[in-house]
């Protein structure tokens, strides 16, 4: 559930810091 949530709500992470854009399957 944690893994899925991080990937499915990635845009909210990117909005905080752009390094999150590199989180990719």
PDBML (XML) file of the C-alpha atoms, coordinates in Angstrom:
<?xml version="1.0" encoding="UTF-8" ?>
<PDBx:datablock datablockName="MODEL"
   xmlns:PDBx="http://pdbml.pdb.org/schema/pdbx-v50.xsd"
   xmlns:xsi="http://www.w3.org/2001/XMLSchema-instance"
   xsi:schemaLocation="http://pdbml.pdb.org/schema/pdbx-v50.xsd pdbx-v50.xsd">
   <PDBx:atom_siteCategory>
      <PDBx:atom_site id="1">
         <PDBx:B_iso_or_equiv>0.00</PDBx:B_iso_or_equiv>
         <PDBx:Cartn_x>0.000</PDBx:Cartn_x>
         <PDBx:Cartn_y>0.000</PDBx:Cartn_y>
         <PDBx:Cartn_z>0.000</PDBx:Cartn_z>
         <PDBx:auth_asym_id>A</PDBx:auth_asym_id>
         <PDBx:auth_atom_id>CA</PDBx:auth_atom_id>
         <PDBx:auth_comp_id>UNK</PDBx:auth_comp_id>
         <PDBx:auth_seq_id>1</PDBx:auth_seq_id>
         <PDBx:group_PDB>ATOM</PDBx:group_PDB>
         <PDBx:label_alt_id xsi:nil="true" />
         <PDBx:label_asym_id>A</PDBx:label_asym_id>
         <PDBx:label_atom_id>CA</PDBx:label_atom_id>
         <PDBx:label_comp_id>UNK</PDBx:label_comp_id>
         <PDBx:label_entity_id>1</PDBx:label_entity_id>
         <PDBx:label_seq_id>1</PDBx:label_seq_id>
         <PDBx:occupancy>1.00</PDBx:occupancy>
         <PDBx:pdbx_PDB_model_num>1</PDBx:pdbx_PDB_model_num>
         <PDBx:type_symbol>C</PDBx:type_symbol>
      </PDBx:atom_site>
      <PDBx:atom_site id="2">
         <PDBx:B_iso_or_equiv>0.00</PDBx:B_iso_or_equiv>
         <PDBx:Cartn_x>2.847</PDBx:Cartn_x>
         <PDBx:Cartn_y>2.412</PDBx:Cartn_y>
         <PDBx:Cartn_z>0.805</PDBx:Cartn_z>
         <PDBx:auth_asym_id>A</PDBx:auth_asym_id>
         <PDBx:auth_atom_id>CA</PDBx:auth_atom_id>
         <PDBx:auth_comp_id>UNK</PDBx:auth_comp_id>
         <PDBx:auth_seq_id>2</PDBx:auth_seq_id>
         <PDBx:group_PDB>ATOM</PDBx:group_PDB>
         <PDBx:label_alt_id xsi:nil="true" />
         <PDBx:label_asym_id>A</PDBx:label_asym_id>
         <PDBx:label_atom_id>CA</PDBx:label_atom_id>
         <PDBx:label_comp_id>UNK</PDBx:label_comp_id>
         <PDBx:label_entity_id>1</PDBx:label_entity_id>
         <PDBx:label_seq_id>2</PDBx:label_seq_id>
         <PDBx:occupancy>1.00</PDBx:occupancy>
         <PDBx:pdbx_PDB_model_num>1</PDBx:pdbx_PDB_model_num>
         <PDBx:type_symbol>C</PDBx:type_symbol>
      </PDBx:atom_site>
      <PDBx:atom_site id="3">
         <PDBx:B_iso_or_equiv>0.00</PDBx:B_iso_or_equiv>
         <PDBx:Cartn_x>4.649</PDBx:Cartn_x>
         <PDBx:Cartn_y>1.646</PDBx:Cartn_y>
         <PDBx:Cartn_z>-2.459</PDBx:Cartn_z>
         <PDBx:auth_asym_id>A</PDBx:auth_asym_id>
         <PDBx:auth_atom_id>CA</PDBx:auth_atom_id>
         <PDBx:auth_comp_id>UNK</PDBx:auth_comp_id>
         <PDBx:auth_seq_id>3</PDBx:auth_seq_id>
         <PDBx:group_PDB>ATOM</PDBx:group_PDB>
         <PDBx:label_alt_id xsi:nil="true" />
         <PDBx:label_asym_id>A</PDBx:label_asym_id>
         <PDBx:label_atom_id>CA</PDBx:label_atom_id>
         <PDBx:label_comp_id>UNK</PDBx:label_comp_id>
         <PDBx:label_entity_id>1</PDBx:label_entity_id>
         <PDBx:label_seq_id>3</PDBx:label_seq_id>
         <PDBx:occupancy>1.00</PDBx:occupancy>
         <PDBx:pdbx_PDB_model_num>1</PDBx:pdbx_PDB_model_num>
         <PDBx:type_symbol>C</PDBx:type_symbol>
      </PDBx:atom_site>
      <PDBx:atom_site id="4">
         <PDBx:B_iso_or_equiv>0.00</PDBx:B_iso_or_equiv>
         <PDBx:Cartn_x>1.467</PDBx:Cartn_x>
         <PDBx:Cartn_y>2.002</PDBx:Cartn_y>
         <PDBx:Cartn_z>-4.501</PDBx:Cartn_z>
         <PDBx:auth_asym_id>A</PDBx:auth_asym_id>
         <PDBx:auth_atom_id>CA</PDBx:auth_atom_id>
         <PDBx:auth_comp_id>UNK</PDBx:auth_comp_id>
         <PDBx:auth_seq_id>4</PDBx:auth_seq_id>
         <PDBx:group_PDB>ATOM</PDBx:group_PDB>
         <PDBx:label_alt_id xsi:nil="true" />
         <PDBx:label_asym_id>A</PDBx:label_asym_id>
         <PDBx:label_atom_id>CA</PDBx:label_atom_id>
         <PDBx:label_comp_id>UNK</PDBx:label_comp_id>
         <PDBx:label_entity_id>1</PDBx:label_entity_id>
         <PDBx:label_seq_id>4</PDBx:label_seq_id>
         <PDBx:occupancy>1.00</PDBx:occupancy>
         <PDBx:pdbx_PDB_model_num>1</PDBx:pdbx_PDB_model_num>
         <PDBx:type_symbol>C</PDBx:type_symbol>
      </PDBx:atom_site>
      <PDBx:atom_site id="5">
         <PDBx:B_iso_or_equiv>0.00</PDBx:B_iso_or_equiv>
         <PDBx:Cartn_x>0.518</PDBx:Cartn_x>
         <PDBx:Cartn_y>5.286</PDBx:Cartn_y>
         <PDBx:Cartn_z>-2.840</PDBx:Cartn_z>
         <PDBx:auth_asym_id>A</PDBx:auth_asym_id>
         <PDBx:auth_atom_id>CA</PDBx:auth_atom_id>
         <PDBx:auth_comp_id>UNK</PDBx:auth_comp_id>
         <PDBx:auth_seq_id>5</PDBx:auth_seq_id>
         <PDBx:group_PDB>ATOM</PDBx:group_PDB>
         <PDBx:label_alt_id xsi:nil="true" />
         <PDBx:label_asym_id>A</PDBx:label_asym_id>
         <PDBx:label_atom_id>CA</PDBx:label_atom_id>
         <PDBx:label_comp_id>UNK</PDBx:label_comp_id>
         <PDBx:label_entity_id>1</PDBx:label_entity_id>
         <PDBx:label_seq_id>5</PDBx:label_seq_id>
         <PDBx:occupancy>1.00</PDBx:occupancy>
         <PDBx:pdbx_PDB_model_num>1</PDBx:pdbx_PDB_model_num>
         <PDBx:type_symbol>C</PDBx:type_symbol>
      </PDBx:atom_site>
      <PDBx:atom_site id="6">
         <PDBx:B_iso_or_equiv>0.00</PDBx:B_iso_or_equiv>
         <PDBx:Cartn_x>3.937</PDBx:Cartn_x>
         <PDBx:Cartn_y>6.837</PDBx:Cartn_y>
         <PDBx:Cartn_z>-3.473</PDBx:Cartn_z>
         <PDBx:auth_asym_id>A</PDBx:auth_asym_id>
         <PDBx:auth_atom_id>CA</PDBx:auth_atom_id>
         <PDBx:auth_comp_id>UNK</PDBx:auth_comp_id>
         <PDBx:auth_seq_id>6</PDBx:auth_seq_id>
         <PDBx:group_PDB>ATOM</PDBx:group_PDB>
         <PDBx:label_alt_id xsi:nil="true" />
         <PDBx:label_asym_id>A</PDBx:label_asym_id>
         <PDBx:label_atom_id>CA</PDBx:label_atom_id>
         <PDBx:label_comp_id>UNK</PDBx:label_comp_id>
         <PDBx:label_entity_id>1</PDBx:label_entity_id>
         <PDBx:label_seq_id>6</PDBx:label_seq_id>
         <PDBx:occupancy>1.00</PDBx:occupancy>
         <PDBx:pdbx_PDB_model_num>1</PDBx:pdbx_PDB_model_num>
         <PDBx:type_symbol>C</PDBx:type_symbol>
      </PDBx:atom_site>
      <PDBx:atom_site id="7">
         <PDBx:B_iso_or_equiv>0.00</PDBx:B_iso_or_equiv>
         <PDBx:Cartn_x>3.778</PDBx:Cartn_x>
         <PDBx:Cartn_y>6.026</PDBx:Cartn_y>
         <PDBx:Cartn_z>-7.186</PDBx:Cartn_z>
         <PDBx:auth_asym_id>A</PDBx:auth_asym_id>
         <PDBx:auth_atom_id>CA</PDBx:auth_atom_id>
         <PDBx:auth_comp_id>UNK</PDBx:auth_comp_id>
         <PDBx:auth_seq_id>7</PDBx:auth_seq_id>
         <PDBx:group_PDB>ATOM</PDBx:group_PDB>
         <PDBx:label_alt_id xsi:nil="true" />
         <PDBx:label_asym_id>A</PDBx:label_asym_id>
         <PDBx:label_atom_id>CA</PDBx:label_atom_id>
         <PDBx:label_comp_id>UNK</PDBx:label_comp_id>
         <PDBx:label_entity_id>1</PDBx:label_entity_id>
         <PDBx:label_seq_id>7</PDBx:label_seq_id>
         <PDBx:occupancy>1.00</PDBx:occupancy>
         <PDBx:pdbx_PDB_model_num>1</PDBx:pdbx_PDB_model_num>
         <PDBx:type_symbol>C</PDBx:type_symbol>
      </PDBx:atom_site>
      <PDBx:atom_site id="8">
         <PDBx:B_iso_or_equiv>0.00</PDBx:B_iso_or_equiv>
         <PDBx:Cartn_x>0.122</PDBx:Cartn_x>
         <PDBx:Cartn_y>6.864</PDBx:Cartn_y>
         <PDBx:Cartn_z>-7.701</PDBx:Cartn_z>
         <PDBx:auth_asym_id>A</PDBx:auth_asym_id>
         <PDBx:auth_atom_id>CA</PDBx:auth_atom_id>
         <PDBx:auth_comp_id>UNK</PDBx:auth_comp_id>
         <PDBx:auth_seq_id>8</PDBx:auth_seq_id>
         <PDBx:group_PDB>ATOM</PDBx:group_PDB>
         <PDBx:label_alt_id xsi:nil="true" />
         <PDBx:label_asym_id>A</PDBx:label_asym_id>
         <PDBx:label_atom_id>CA</PDBx:label_atom_id>
         <PDBx:label_comp_id>UNK</PDBx:label_comp_id>
         <PDBx:label_entity_id>1</PDBx:label_entity_id>
         <PDBx:label_seq_id>8</PDBx:label_seq_id>
         <PDBx:occupancy>1.00</PDBx:occupancy>
         <PDBx:pdbx_PDB_model_num>1</PDBx:pdbx_PDB_model_num>
         <PDBx:type_symbol>C</PDBx:type_symbol>
      </PDBx:atom_site>
      <PDBx:atom_site id="9">
         <PDBx:B_iso_or_equiv>0.00</PDBx:B_iso_or_equiv>
         <PDBx:Cartn_x>0.355</PDBx:Cartn_x>
         <PDBx:Cartn_y>10.234</PDBx:Cartn_y>
         <PDBx:Cartn_z>-5.928</PDBx:Cartn_z>
         <PDBx:auth_asym_id>A</PDBx:auth_asym_id>
         <PDBx:auth_atom_id>CA</PDBx:auth_atom_id>
         <PDBx:auth_comp_id>UNK</PDBx:auth_comp_id>
         <PDBx:auth_seq_id>9</PDBx:auth_seq_id>
         <PDBx:group_PDB>ATOM</PDBx:group_PDB>
         <PDBx:label_alt_id xsi:nil="true" />
         <PDBx:label_asym_id>A</PDBx:label_asym_id>
         <PDBx:label_atom_id>CA</PDBx:label_atom_id>
         <PDBx:label_comp_id>UNK</PDBx:label_comp_id>
         <PDBx:label_entity_id>1</PDBx:label_entity_id>
         <PDBx:label_seq_id>9</PDBx:label_seq_id>
         <PDBx:occupancy>1.00</PDBx:occupancy>
         <PDBx:pdbx_PDB_model_num>1</PDBx:pdbx_PDB_model_num>
         <PDBx:type_symbol>C</PDBx:type_symbol>
      </PDBx:atom_site>
      <PDBx:atom_site id="10">
         <PDBx:B_iso_or_equiv>0.00</PDBx:B_iso_or_equiv>
         <PDBx:Cartn_x>3.791</PDBx:Cartn_x>
         <PDBx:Cartn_y>11.164</PDBx:Cartn_y>
         <PDBx:Cartn_z>-7.236</PDBx:Cartn_z>
         <PDBx:auth_asym_id>A</PDBx:auth_asym_id>
         <PDBx:auth_atom_id>CA</PDBx:auth_atom_id>
         <PDBx:auth_comp_id>UNK</PDBx:auth_comp_id>
         <PDBx:auth_seq_id>10</PDBx:auth_seq_id>
         <PDBx:group_PDB>ATOM</PDBx:group_PDB>
         <PDBx:label_alt_id xsi:nil="true" />
         <PDBx:label_asym_id>A</PDBx:label_asym_id>
         <PDBx:label_atom_id>CA</PDBx:label_atom_id>
         <PDBx:label_comp_id>UNK</PDBx:label_comp_id>
         <PDBx:label_entity_id>1</PDBx:label_entity_id>
         <PDBx:label_seq_id>10</PDBx:label_seq_id>
         <PDBx:occupancy>1.00</PDBx:occupancy>
         <PDBx:pdbx_PDB_model_num>1</PDBx:pdbx_PDB_model_num>
         <PDBx:type_symbol>C</PDBx:type_symbol>
      </PDBx:atom_site>
      <PDBx:atom_site id="11">
         <PDBx:B_iso_or_equiv>0.00</PDBx:B_iso_or_equiv>
         <PDBx:Cartn_x>2.612</PDBx:Cartn_x>
         <PDBx:Cartn_y>14.569</PDBx:Cartn_y>
         <PDBx:Cartn_z>-8.578</PDBx:Cartn_z>
         <PDBx:auth_asym_id>A</PDBx:auth_asym_id>
         <PDBx:auth_atom_id>CA</PDBx:auth_atom_id>
         <PDBx:auth_comp_id>UNK</PDBx:auth_comp_id>
         <PDBx:auth_seq_id>11</PDBx:auth_seq_id>
         <PDBx:group_PDB>ATOM</PDBx:group_PDB>
         <PDBx:label_alt_id xsi:nil="true" />
         <PDBx:label_asym_id>A</PDBx:label_asym_id>
         <PDBx:label_atom_id>CA</PDBx:label_atom_id>
         <PDBx:label_comp_id>UNK</PDBx:label_comp_id>
         <PDBx:label_entity_id>1</PDBx:label_entity_id>
         <PDBx:label_seq_id>11</PDBx:label_seq_id>
         <PDBx:occupancy>1.00</PDBx:occupancy>
         <PDBx:pdbx_PDB_model_num>1</PDBx:pdbx_PDB_model_num>
         <PDBx:type_symbol>C</PDBx:type_symbol>
      </PDBx:atom_site>
      <PDBx:atom_site id="12">
         <PDBx:B_iso_or_equiv>0.00</PDBx:B_iso_or_equiv>
         <PDBx:Cartn_x>1.966</PDBx:Cartn_x>
         <PDBx:Cartn_y>15.687</PDBx:Cartn_y>
         <PDBx:Cartn_z>-4.993</PDBx:Cartn_z>
         <PDBx:auth_asym_id>A</PDBx:auth_asym_id>
         <PDBx:auth_atom_id>CA</PDBx:auth_atom_id>
         <PDBx:auth_comp_id>UNK</PDBx:auth_comp_id>
         <PDBx:auth_seq_id>12</PDBx:auth_seq_id>
         <PDBx:group_PDB>ATOM</PDBx:group_PDB>
         <PDBx:label_alt_id xsi:nil="true" />
         <PDBx:label_asym_id>A</PDBx:label_asym_id>
         <PDBx:label_atom_id>CA</PDBx:label_atom_id>
         <PDBx:label_comp_id>UNK</PDBx:label_comp_id>
         <PDBx:label_entity_id>1</PDBx:label_entity_id>
         <PDBx:label_seq_id>12</PDBx:label_seq_id>
         <PDBx:occupancy>1.00</PDBx:occupancy>
         <PDBx:pdbx_PDB_model_num>1</PDBx:pdbx_PDB_model_num>
         <PDBx:type_symbol>C</PDBx:type_symbol>
      </PDBx:atom_site>
      <PDBx:atom_site id="13">
         <PDBx:B_iso_or_equiv>0.00</PDBx:B_iso_or_equiv>
         <PDBx:Cartn_x>5.564</PDBx:Cartn_x>
         <PDBx:Cartn_y>14.775</PDBx:Cartn_y>
         <PDBx:Cartn_z>-4.115</PDBx:Cartn_z>
         <PDBx:auth_asym_id>A</PDBx:auth_asym_id>
         <PDBx:auth_atom_id>CA</PDBx:auth_atom_id>
         <PDBx:auth_comp_id>UNK</PDBx:auth_comp_id>
         <PDBx:auth_seq_id>13</PDBx:auth_seq_id>
         <PDBx:group_PDB>ATOM</PDBx:group_PDB>
         <PDBx:label_alt_id xsi:nil="true" />
         <PDBx:label_asym_id>A</PDBx:label_asym_id>
         <PDBx:label_atom_id>CA</PDBx:label_atom_id>
         <PDBx:label_comp_id>UNK</PDBx:label_comp_id>
         <PDBx:label_entity_id>1</PDBx:label_entity_id>
         <PDBx:label_seq_id>13</PDBx:label_seq_id>
         <PDBx:occupancy>1.00</PDBx:occupancy>
         <PDBx:pdbx_PDB_model_num>1</PDBx:pdbx_PDB_model_num>
         <PDBx:type_symbol>C</PDBx:type_symbol>
      </PDBx:atom_site>
      <PDBx:atom_site id="14">
         <PDBx:B_iso_or_equiv>0.00</PDBx:B_iso_or_equiv>
         <PDBx:Cartn_x>6.948</PDBx:Cartn_x>
         <PDBx:Cartn_y>16.624</PDBx:Cartn_y>
         <PDBx:Cartn_z>-7.153</PDBx:Cartn_z>
         <PDBx:auth_asym_id>A</PDBx:auth_asym_id>
         <PDBx:auth_atom_id>CA</PDBx:auth_atom_id>
         <PDBx:auth_comp_id>UNK</PDBx:auth_comp_id>
         <PDBx:auth_seq_id>14</PDBx:auth_seq_id>
         <PDBx:group_PDB>ATOM</PDBx:group_PDB>
         <PDBx:label_alt_id xsi:nil="true" />
         <PDBx:label_asym_id>A</PDBx:label_asym_id>
         <PDBx:label_atom_id>CA</PDBx:label_atom_id>
         <PDBx:label_comp_id>UNK</PDBx:label_comp_id>
         <PDBx:label_entity_id>1</PDBx:label_entity_id>
         <PDBx:label_seq_id>14</PDBx:label_seq_id>
         <PDBx:occupancy>1.00</PDBx:occupancy>
         <PDBx:pdbx_PDB_model_num>1</PDBx:pdbx_PDB_model_num>
         <PDBx:type_symbol>C</PDBx:type_symbol>
      </PDBx:atom_site>
      <PDBx:atom_site id="15">
         <PDBx:B_iso_or_equiv>0.00</PDBx:B_iso_or_equiv>
         <PDBx:Cartn_x>4.987</PDBx:Cartn_x>
         <PDBx:Cartn_y>19.700</PDBx:Cartn_y>
         <PDBx:Cartn_z>-6.092</PDBx:Cartn_z>
         <PDBx:auth_asym_id>A</PDBx:auth_asym_id>
         <PDBx:auth_atom_id>CA</PDBx:auth_atom_id>
         <PDBx:auth_comp_id>UNK</PDBx:auth_comp_id>
         <PDBx:auth_seq_id>15</PDBx:auth_seq_id>
         <PDBx:group_PDB>ATOM</PDBx:group_PDB>
         <PDBx:label_alt_id xsi:nil="true" />
         <PDBx:label_asym_id>A</PDBx:label_asym_id>
         <PDBx:label_atom_id>CA</PDBx:label_atom_id>
         <PDBx:label_comp_id>UNK</PDBx:label_comp_id>
         <PDBx:label_entity_id>1</PDBx:label_entity_id>
         <PDBx:label_seq_id>15</PDBx:label_seq_id>
         <PDBx:occupancy>1.00</PDBx:occupancy>
         <PDBx:pdbx_PDB_model_num>1</PDBx:pdbx_PDB_model_num>
         <PDBx:type_symbol>C</PDBx:type_symbol>
      </PDBx:atom_site>
      <PDBx:atom_site id="16">
         <PDBx:B_iso_or_equiv>0.00</PDBx:B_iso_or_equiv>
         <PDBx:Cartn_x>7.049</PDBx:Cartn_x>
         <PDBx:Cartn_y>19.771</PDBx:Cartn_y>
         <PDBx:Cartn_z>-2.891</PDBx:Cartn_z>
         <PDBx:auth_asym_id>A</PDBx:auth_asym_id>
         <PDBx:auth_atom_id>CA</PDBx:auth_atom_id>
         <PDBx:auth_comp_id>UNK</PDBx:auth_comp_id>
         <PDBx:auth_seq_id>16</PDBx:auth_seq_id>
         <PDBx:group_PDB>ATOM</PDBx:group_PDB>
         <PDBx:label_alt_id xsi:nil="true" />
         <PDBx:label_asym_id>A</PDBx:label_asym_id>
         <PDBx:label_atom_id>CA</PDBx:label_atom_id>
         <PDBx:label_comp_id>UNK</PDBx:label_comp_id>
         <PDBx:label_entity_id>1</PDBx:label_entity_id>
         <PDBx:label_seq_id>16</PDBx:label_seq_id>
         <PDBx:occupancy>1.00</PDBx:occupancy>
         <PDBx:pdbx_PDB_model_num>1</PDBx:pdbx_PDB_model_num>
         <PDBx:type_symbol>C</PDBx:type_symbol>
      </PDBx:atom_site>
      <PDBx:atom_site id="17">
         <PDBx:B_iso_or_equiv>0.00</PDBx:B_iso_or_equiv>
         <PDBx:Cartn_x>10.456</PDBx:Cartn_x>
         <PDBx:Cartn_y>18.986</PDBx:Cartn_y>
         <PDBx:Cartn_z>-4.413</PDBx:Cartn_z>
         <PDBx:auth_asym_id>A</PDBx:auth_asym_id>
         <PDBx:auth_atom_id>CA</PDBx:auth_atom_id>
         <PDBx:auth_comp_id>UNK</PDBx:auth_comp_id>
         <PDBx:auth_seq_id>17</PDBx:auth_seq_id>
         <PDBx:group_PDB>ATOM</PDBx:group_PDB>
         <PDBx:label_alt_id xsi:nil="true" />
         <PDBx:label_asym_id>A</PDBx:label_asym_id>
         <PDBx:label_atom_id>CA</PDBx:label_atom_id>
         <PDBx:label_comp_id>UNK</PDBx:label_comp_id>
         <PDBx:label_entity_id>1</PDBx:label_entity_id>
         <PDBx:label_seq_id>17</PDBx:label_seq_id>
         <PDBx:occupancy>1.00</PDBx:occupancy>
         <PDBx:pdbx_PDB_model_num>1</PDBx:pdbx_PDB_model_num>
         <PDBx:type_symbol>C</PDBx:type_symbol>
      </PDBx:atom_site>
      <PDBx:atom_site id="18">
         <PDBx:B_iso_or_equiv>0.00</PDBx:B_iso_or_equiv>
         <PDBx:Cartn_x>11.352</PDBx:Cartn_x>
         <PDBx:Cartn_y>18.429</PDBx:Cartn_y>
         <PDBx:Cartn_z>-8.043</PDBx:Cartn_z>
         <PDBx:auth_asym_id>A</PDBx:auth_asym_id>
         <PDBx:auth_atom_id>CA</PDBx:auth_atom_id>
         <PDBx:auth_comp_id>UNK</PDBx:auth_comp_id>
         <PDBx:auth_seq_id>18</PDBx:auth_seq_id>
         <PDBx:group_PDB>ATOM</PDBx:group_PDB>
         <PDBx:label_alt_id xsi:nil="true" />
         <PDBx:label_asym_id>A</PDBx:label_asym_id>
         <PDBx:label_atom_id>CA</PDBx:label_atom_id>
         <PDBx:label_comp_id>UNK</PDBx:label_comp_id>
         <PDBx:label_entity_id>1</PDBx:label_entity_id>
         <PDBx:label_seq_id>18</PDBx:label_seq_id>
         <PDBx:occupancy>1.00</PDBx:occupancy>
         <PDBx:pdbx_PDB_model_num>1</PDBx:pdbx_PDB_model_num>
         <PDBx:type_symbol>C</PDBx:type_symbol>
      </PDBx:atom_site>
      <PDBx:atom_site id="19">
         <PDBx:B_iso_or_equiv>0.00</PDBx:B_iso_or_equiv>
         <PDBx:Cartn_x>13.743</PDBx:Cartn_x>
         <PDBx:Cartn_y>15.528</PDBx:Cartn_y>
         <PDBx:Cartn_z>-7.242</PDBx:Cartn_z>
         <PDBx:auth_asym_id>A</PDBx:auth_asym_id>
         <PDBx:auth_atom_id>CA</PDBx:auth_atom_id>
         <PDBx:auth_comp_id>UNK</PDBx:auth_comp_id>
         <PDBx:auth_seq_id>19</PDBx:auth_seq_id>
         <PDBx:group_PDB>ATOM</PDBx:group_PDB>
         <PDBx:label_alt_id xsi:nil="true" />
         <PDBx:label_asym_id>A</PDBx:label_asym_id>
         <PDBx:label_atom_id>CA</PDBx:label_atom_id>
         <PDBx:label_comp_id>UNK</PDBx:label_comp_id>
         <PDBx:label_entity_id>1</PDBx:label_entity_id>
         <PDBx:label_seq_id>19</PDBx:label_seq_id>
         <PDBx:occupancy>1.00</PDBx:occupancy>
         <PDBx:pdbx_PDB_model_num>1</PDBx:pdbx_PDB_model_num>
         <PDBx:type_symbol>C</PDBx:type_symbol>
      </PDBx:atom_site>
      <PDBx:atom_site id="20">
         <PDBx:B_iso_or_equiv>0.00</PDBx:B_iso_or_equiv>
         <PDBx:Cartn_x>10.593</PDBx:Cartn_x>
         <PDBx:Cartn_y>13.421</PDBx:Cartn_y>
         <PDBx:Cartn_z>-6.829</PDBx:Cartn_z>
         <PDBx:auth_asym_id>A</PDBx:auth_asym_id>
         <PDBx:auth_atom_id>CA</PDBx:auth_atom_id>
         <PDBx:auth_comp_id>UNK</PDBx:auth_comp_id>
         <PDBx:auth_seq_id>20</PDBx:auth_seq_id>
         <PDBx:group_PDB>ATOM</PDBx:group_PDB>
         <PDBx:label_alt_id xsi:nil="true" />
         <PDBx:label_asym_id>A</PDBx:label_asym_id>
         <PDBx:label_atom_id>CA</PDBx:label_atom_id>
         <PDBx:label_comp_id>UNK</PDBx:label_comp_id>
         <PDBx:label_entity_id>1</PDBx:label_entity_id>
         <PDBx:label_seq_id>20</PDBx:label_seq_id>
         <PDBx:occupancy>1.00</PDBx:occupancy>
         <PDBx:pdbx_PDB_model_num>1</PDBx:pdbx_PDB_model_num>
         <PDBx:type_symbol>C</PDBx:type_symbol>
      </PDBx:atom_site>
      <PDBx:atom_site id="21">
         <PDBx:B_iso_or_equiv>0.00</PDBx:B_iso_or_equiv>
         <PDBx:Cartn_x>10.157</PDBx:Cartn_x>
         <PDBx:Cartn_y>13.531</PDBx:Cartn_y>
         <PDBx:Cartn_z>-10.613</PDBx:Cartn_z>
         <PDBx:auth_asym_id>A</PDBx:auth_asym_id>
         <PDBx:auth_atom_id>CA</PDBx:auth_atom_id>
         <PDBx:auth_comp_id>UNK</PDBx:auth_comp_id>
         <PDBx:auth_seq_id>21</PDBx:auth_seq_id>
         <PDBx:group_PDB>ATOM</PDBx:group_PDB>
         <PDBx:label_alt_id xsi:nil="true" />
         <PDBx:label_asym_id>A</PDBx:label_asym_id>
         <PDBx:label_atom_id>CA</PDBx:label_atom_id>
         <PDBx:label_comp_id>UNK</PDBx:label_comp_id>
         <PDBx:label_entity_id>1</PDBx:label_entity_id>
         <PDBx:label_seq_id>21</PDBx:label_seq_id>
         <PDBx:occupancy>1.00</PDBx:occupancy>
         <PDBx:pdbx_PDB_model_num>1</PDBx:pdbx_PDB_model_num>
         <PDBx:type_symbol>C</PDBx:type_symbol>
      </PDBx:atom_site>
      <PDBx:atom_site id="22">
         <PDBx:B_iso_or_equiv>0.00</PDBx:B_iso_or_equiv>
         <PDBx:Cartn_x>12.919</PDBx:Cartn_x>
         <PDBx:Cartn_y>10.886</PDBx:Cartn_y>
         <PDBx:Cartn_z>-10.814</PDBx:Cartn_z>
         <PDBx:auth_asym_id>A</PDBx:auth_asym_id>
         <PDBx:auth_atom_id>CA</PDBx:auth_atom_id>
         <PDBx:auth_comp_id>UNK</PDBx:auth_comp_id>
         <PDBx:auth_seq_id>22</PDBx:auth_seq_id>
         <PDBx:group_PDB>ATOM</PDBx:group_PDB>
         <PDBx:label_alt_id xsi:nil="true" />
         <PDBx:label_asym_id>A</PDBx:label_asym_id>
         <PDBx:label_atom_id>CA</PDBx:label_atom_id>
         <PDBx:label_comp_id>UNK</PDBx:label_comp_id>
         <PDBx:label_entity_id>1</PDBx:label_entity_id>
         <PDBx:label_seq_id>22</PDBx:label_seq_id>
         <PDBx:occupancy>1.00</PDBx:occupancy>
         <PDBx:pdbx_PDB_model_num>1</PDBx:pdbx_PDB_model_num>
         <PDBx:type_symbol>C</PDBx:type_symbol>
      </PDBx:atom_site>
      <PDBx:atom_site id="23">
         <PDBx:B_iso_or_equiv>0.00</PDBx:B_iso_or_equiv>
         <PDBx:Cartn_x>10.834</PDBx:Cartn_x>
         <PDBx:Cartn_y>8.312</PDBx:Cartn_y>
         <PDBx:Cartn_z>-8.945</PDBx:Cartn_z>
         <PDBx:auth_asym_id>A</PDBx:auth_asym_id>
         <PDBx:auth_atom_id>CA</PDBx:auth_atom_id>
         <PDBx:auth_comp_id>UNK</PDBx:auth_comp_id>
         <PDBx:auth_seq_id>23</PDBx:auth_seq_id>
         <PDBx:group_PDB>ATOM</PDBx:group_PDB>
         <PDBx:label_alt_id xsi:nil="true" />
         <PDBx:label_asym_id>A</PDBx:label_asym_id>
         <PDBx:label_atom_id>CA</PDBx:label_atom_id>
         <PDBx:label_comp_id>UNK</PDBx:label_comp_id>
         <PDBx:label_entity_id>1</PDBx:label_entity_id>
         <PDBx:label_seq_id>23</PDBx:label_seq_id>
         <PDBx:occupancy>1.00</PDBx:occupancy>
         <PDBx:pdbx_PDB_model_num>1</PDBx:pdbx_PDB_model_num>
         <PDBx:type_symbol>C</PDBx:type_symbol>
      </PDBx:atom_site>
      <PDBx:atom_site id="24">
         <PDBx:B_iso_or_equiv>0.00</PDBx:B_iso_or_equiv>
         <PDBx:Cartn_x>10.037</PDBx:Cartn_x>
         <PDBx:Cartn_y>5.968</PDBx:Cartn_y>
         <PDBx:Cartn_z>-11.822</PDBx:Cartn_z>
         <PDBx:auth_asym_id>A</PDBx:auth_asym_id>
         <PDBx:auth_atom_id>CA</PDBx:auth_atom_id>
         <PDBx:auth_comp_id>UNK</PDBx:auth_comp_id>
         <PDBx:auth_seq_id>24</PDBx:auth_seq_id>
         <PDBx:group_PDB>ATOM</PDBx:group_PDB>
         <PDBx:label_alt_id xsi:nil="true" />
         <PDBx:label_asym_id>A</PDBx:label_asym_id>
         <PDBx:label_atom_id>CA</PDBx:label_atom_id>
         <PDBx:label_comp_id>UNK</PDBx:label_comp_id>
         <PDBx:label_entity_id>1</PDBx:label_entity_id>
         <PDBx:label_seq_id>24</PDBx:label_seq_id>
         <PDBx:occupancy>1.00</PDBx:occupancy>
         <PDBx:pdbx_PDB_model_num>1</PDBx:pdbx_PDB_model_num>
         <PDBx:type_symbol>C</PDBx:type_symbol>
      </PDBx:atom_site>
      <PDBx:atom_site id="25">
         <PDBx:B_iso_or_equiv>0.00</PDBx:B_iso_or_equiv>
         <PDBx:Cartn_x>8.973</PDBx:Cartn_x>
         <PDBx:Cartn_y>2.341</PDBx:Cartn_y>
         <PDBx:Cartn_z>-12.211</PDBx:Cartn_z>
         <PDBx:auth_asym_id>A</PDBx:auth_asym_id>
         <PDBx:auth_atom_id>CA</PDBx:auth_atom_id>
         <PDBx:auth_comp_id>UNK</PDBx:auth_comp_id>
         <PDBx:auth_seq_id>25</PDBx:auth_seq_id>
         <PDBx:group_PDB>ATOM</PDBx:group_PDB>
         <PDBx:label_alt_id xsi:nil="true" />
         <PDBx:label_asym_id>A</PDBx:label_asym_id>
         <PDBx:label_atom_id>CA</PDBx:label_atom_id>
         <PDBx:label_comp_id>UNK</PDBx:label_comp_id>
         <PDBx:label_entity_id>1</PDBx:label_entity_id>
         <PDBx:label_seq_id>25</PDBx:label_seq_id>
         <PDBx:occupancy>1.00</PDBx:occupancy>
         <PDBx:pdbx_PDB_model_num>1</PDBx:pdbx_PDB_model_num>
         <PDBx:type_symbol>C</PDBx:type_symbol>
      </PDBx:atom_site>
   </PDBx:atom_siteCategory>
</PDBx:datablock>
